[in-house]
Amino acid sequence: MAGEPTDVDLIREVLAGRVERFEILVRRYQRLVATASLRMGIPRGEVEDVTSEVFYKVYRSLGRYRPEHALSTWLYRITVNAALDRKRSTRHESRMEELSPSLADGRPGLDDQASDRERARLLQEALGRVPGHYRAPLVMAHIEGLPLDEIARTLDLPEGTVKSRLFRARAMLKEIIHRHYPALAPAGTEGSAS
């Protein structure tokens, strides 16, 4: 639609007192925030709460938004931080609801969907065991498909730190899989120590 206001236009309007325009931003980005929350391990039953928290924080911080960065990047960073805060405060088991096949070592087969679902569930459990500050860049790189520079910007970390955390996260995930989920290990590596 040609008449759709830009994110920056809407933010200016909200800051000028037209607070009802914030609802358009919520509708625009609600799915992104909810999906990012799920991928960060927030259980489905808590996603709505986290999404509300994120938009509350966004509304209160709108004056600090820098338009040289995409609003989605800023929202993603706030969502990741809110998810990590939630997980720290509740200390519940992480259960990912969605997972990209790019982290799986096998190829999903059409003939064996039940096995694929079980494999995805186990991989979600394994990923849930990776500490949050390592899991965030891993999810962003392998599930969201974000480039390193955008991950660094979103997490407000130097690229070198992101690279290091990705390296350590992959090593942790590999170790977790070999120790606790040997059925997920690539063929021929079940007994190898890494």
Protein backbone atom coordinates (compact mmCIF):
# COMPACT_ATOMS: atom_id res chain seq x y z
CA MET A 1 0.00 0.00 0.00
CA ALA A 2 1.49 3.28 -1.13
CA GLY A 3 -0.11 5.29 1.68
CA GLU A 4 1.41 3.29 4.54
CA PRO A 5 3.40 5.51 6.94
CA THR A 6 7.00 4.55 7.56
CA ASP A 7 8.14 3.38 10.98
CA VAL A 8 9.99 6.67 11.50
CA ASP A 9 6.86 8.66 10.55
CA LEU A 10 4.80 6.69 13.07
CA ILE A 11 7.41 7.16 15.79
CA ARG A 12 7.44 10.91 15.18
CA GLU A 13 3.65 10.99 15.39
CA VAL A 14 3.62 9.04 18.66
CA LEU A 15 6.30 11.30 20.13
CA ALA A 16 4.24 14.32 19.03
CA GLY A 17 1.30 13.06 21.11
CA ARG A 18 -0.65 10.83 18.73
CA VAL A 19 -0.18 7.79 20.95
CA GLU A 20 -2.90 5.82 19.16
CA ARG A 21 -0.49 5.52 16.18
CA PHE A 22 1.69 3.20 18.27
CA GLU A 23 -0.92 0.49 17.66
CA ILE A 24 0.14 0.38 13.99
CA LEU A 25 3.72 -0.39 15.03
CA VAL A 26 2.48 -3.11 17.38
CA ARG A 27 0.45 -4.74 14.61
CA ARG A 28 3.41 -4.45 12.23
CA TYR A 29 5.94 -6.09 14.54
CA GLN A 30 3.91 -8.27 16.90
CA ARG A 31 4.69 -11.45 14.96
CA LEU A 32 8.45 -10.67 14.84
CA VAL A 33 8.54 -10.16 18.62
CA ALA A 34 6.49 -13.28 19.35
CA THR A 35 8.57 -15.45 17.01
CA ALA A 36 11.84 -14.14 18.44
CA SER A 37 10.54 -14.87 21.95
CA LEU A 38 9.69 -18.45 21.00
CA ARG A 39 13.08 -18.94 19.42
CA MET A 40 14.77 -17.66 22.53
CA GLY A 41 13.06 -20.44 24.49
CA ILE A 42 10.06 -18.66 25.97
CA PRO A 43 7.20 -21.18 26.34
CA ARG A 44 4.13 -20.49 24.18
CA GLY A 45 2.06 -19.70 27.26
CA GLU A 46 4.40 -16.85 28.19
CA VAL A 47 4.99 -15.35 24.74
CA GLU A 48 2.06 -12.94 25.00
CA ASP A 49 3.40 -11.60 28.31
CA VAL A 50 6.91 -11.14 26.90
CA THR A 51 5.49 -9.48 23.78
CA SER A 52 3.52 -7.05 25.95
CA GLU A 53 6.62 -6.31 28.03
CA VAL A 54 8.65 -5.64 24.89
CA PHE A 55 6.14 -3.20 23.44
CA TYR A 56 5.79 -1.48 26.81
CA LYS A 57 9.58 -1.02 26.92
CA VAL A 58 9.60 0.15 23.30
CA TYR A 59 6.88 2.72 23.97
CA ARG A 60 8.70 4.08 27.01
CA SER A 61 12.00 4.24 25.08
CA LEU A 62 10.75 5.57 21.74
CA GLY A 63 12.60 8.85 22.23
CA ARG A 64 15.90 6.94 22.26
CA TYR A 65 15.29 5.12 18.97
CA ARG A 66 17.96 5.96 16.36
CA PRO A 67 16.43 5.89 12.86
CA GLU A 68 19.76 5.01 11.20
CA HIS A 69 19.06 1.43 12.35
CA ALA A 70 16.03 -0.58 11.29
CA LEU A 71 13.26 -0.59 13.87
CA SER A 72 13.14 -4.39 13.56
CA THR A 73 16.78 -4.61 14.72
CA TRP A 74 16.04 -2.46 17.77
CA LEU A 75 12.90 -4.50 18.54
CA TYR A 76 14.84 -7.73 18.17
CA ARG A 77 17.47 -6.57 20.65
CA ILE A 78 14.82 -5.58 23.19
CA THR A 79 13.07 -8.92 22.66
CA VAL A 80 16.27 -10.94 23.14
CA ASN A 81 17.04 -9.01 26.33
CA ALA A 82 13.46 -9.43 27.63
CA ALA A 83 13.58 -13.16 26.91
CA LEU A 84 16.93 -13.54 28.68
CA ASP A 85 15.62 -11.53 31.64
CA ARG A 86 12.49 -13.68 31.80
CA LYS A 87 14.53 -16.87 31.71
CA ARG A 88 16.90 -15.60 34.39
CA SER A 89 14.07 -14.55 36.67
CA THR A 90 11.95 -17.67 36.32
CA ARG A 91 14.77 -20.21 35.87
CA HIS A 92 12.45 -22.54 33.99
CA GLU A 93 13.51 -25.21 31.50
CA SER A 94 13.90 -23.79 28.04
CA ARG A 95 11.62 -25.34 25.45
CA MET A 96 12.00 -24.00 21.92
CA GLU A 97 8.79 -24.19 19.88
CA GLU A 98 10.35 -23.69 16.47
CA LEU A 99 13.71 -24.74 15.14
CA SER A 100 15.47 -24.32 11.85
CA PRO A 101 16.65 -27.45 10.08
CA SER A 102 20.01 -25.70 9.60
CA LEU A 103 21.01 -26.80 13.12
CA ALA A 104 20.00 -30.39 12.53
CA ASP A 105 22.62 -32.81 11.21
CA GLY A 106 20.20 -34.95 9.23
CA ARG A 107 17.94 -34.41 6.27
CA PRO A 108 14.22 -34.35 7.03
CA GLY A 109 12.43 -37.10 5.12
CA LEU A 110 8.85 -36.97 3.98
CA ASP A 111 8.36 -40.66 4.85
CA ASP A 112 9.34 -40.28 8.48
CA GLN A 113 7.64 -37.14 9.81
CA ALA A 114 7.14 -38.54 13.31
CA SER A 115 10.85 -39.26 13.58
CA ASP A 116 11.63 -35.75 12.32
CA ARG A 117 9.33 -34.21 14.93
CA GLU A 118 11.03 -36.22 17.66
CA ARG A 119 14.44 -35.22 16.33
CA ALA A 120 13.39 -31.55 16.30
CA ARG A 121 12.05 -31.87 19.85
CA LEU A 122 15.32 -33.39 21.05
CA LEU A 123 17.31 -30.70 19.27
CA GLN A 124 15.14 -28.05 20.91
CA GLU A 125 15.90 -29.59 24.30
CA ALA A 126 19.61 -29.68 23.52
CA LEU A 127 19.59 -26.05 22.40
CA GLY A 128 17.70 -25.15 25.57
CA ARG A 129 20.68 -26.38 27.60
CA VAL A 130 23.00 -23.81 26.00
CA PRO A 131 23.27 -20.76 28.31
CA GLY A 132 21.23 -17.78 27.09
CA HIS A 133 24.10 -15.42 26.30
CA TYR A 134 25.54 -18.09 24.00
CA ARG A 135 22.17 -19.29 22.70
CA ALA A 136 21.12 -15.80 21.52
CA PRO A 137 23.81 -15.41 18.84
CA LEU A 138 23.40 -19.09 17.87
CA VAL A 139 19.66 -18.65 17.32
CA MET A 140 20.18 -15.38 15.47
CA ALA A 141 22.82 -16.86 13.15
CA HIS A 142 21.41 -20.32 12.47
CA ILE A 143 17.66 -19.87 12.87
CA GLU A 144 17.13 -16.24 11.94
CA GLY A 145 19.93 -16.29 9.36
CA LEU A 146 21.24 -12.89 10.42
CA PRO A 147 24.72 -11.78 9.35
CA LEU A 148 27.42 -11.32 11.97
CA ASP A 149 27.39 -7.52 11.84
CA GLU A 150 23.64 -7.38 12.44
CA ILE A 151 23.89 -9.84 15.34
CA ALA A 152 26.61 -7.67 16.87
CA ARG A 153 24.51 -4.52 16.42
CA THR A 154 21.38 -6.19 17.81
CA LEU A 155 23.14 -7.58 20.89
CA ASP A 156 25.26 -4.43 21.26
CA LEU A 157 28.46 -6.48 21.26
CA PRO A 158 31.70 -6.28 19.28
CA GLU A 159 31.79 -8.65 16.28
CA GLY A 160 34.74 -10.48 17.83
CA THR A 161 32.68 -11.24 20.93
CA VAL A 162 29.82 -12.53 18.76
CA LYS A 163 32.25 -14.76 16.81
CA SER A 164 33.66 -16.10 20.06
CA ARG A 165 30.21 -16.77 21.51
CA LEU A 166 29.10 -18.49 18.30
CA PHE A 167 32.19 -20.70 18.39
CA ARG A 168 31.64 -21.59 22.06
CA ALA A 169 27.88 -22.08 21.55
CA ARG A 170 28.48 -24.53 18.69
CA ALA A 171 31.02 -26.41 20.79
CA MET A 172 28.61 -26.52 23.75
CA LEU A 173 25.74 -27.70 21.57
CA LYS A 174 27.93 -30.41 20.05
CA GLU A 175 29.00 -31.58 23.51
CA ILE A 176 25.42 -31.53 24.81
CA ILE A 177 24.27 -33.57 21.82
CA HIS A 178 27.05 -36.13 22.22
CA ARG A 179 26.47 -36.48 25.98
CA HIS A 180 22.70 -36.29 26.30
CA TYR A 181 21.21 -36.77 22.83
CA PRO A 182 23.40 -39.30 20.96
CA ALA A 183 20.54 -40.04 18.55
CA LEU A 184 21.07 -36.53 17.13
CA ALA A 185 24.80 -37.00 16.49
CA PRO A 186 25.82 -37.44 12.83
CA ALA A 187 26.25 -41.05 11.76
CA GLY A 188 29.59 -42.50 12.81
CA THR A 189 30.26 -39.96 15.59
CA GLU A 190 28.14 -41.39 18.41
CA GLY A 191 31.10 -42.81 20.30
CA SER A 192 33.62 -40.08 19.57
CA ALA A 193 34.65 -37.71 22.31
CA SER A 194 34.84 -34.06 21.38
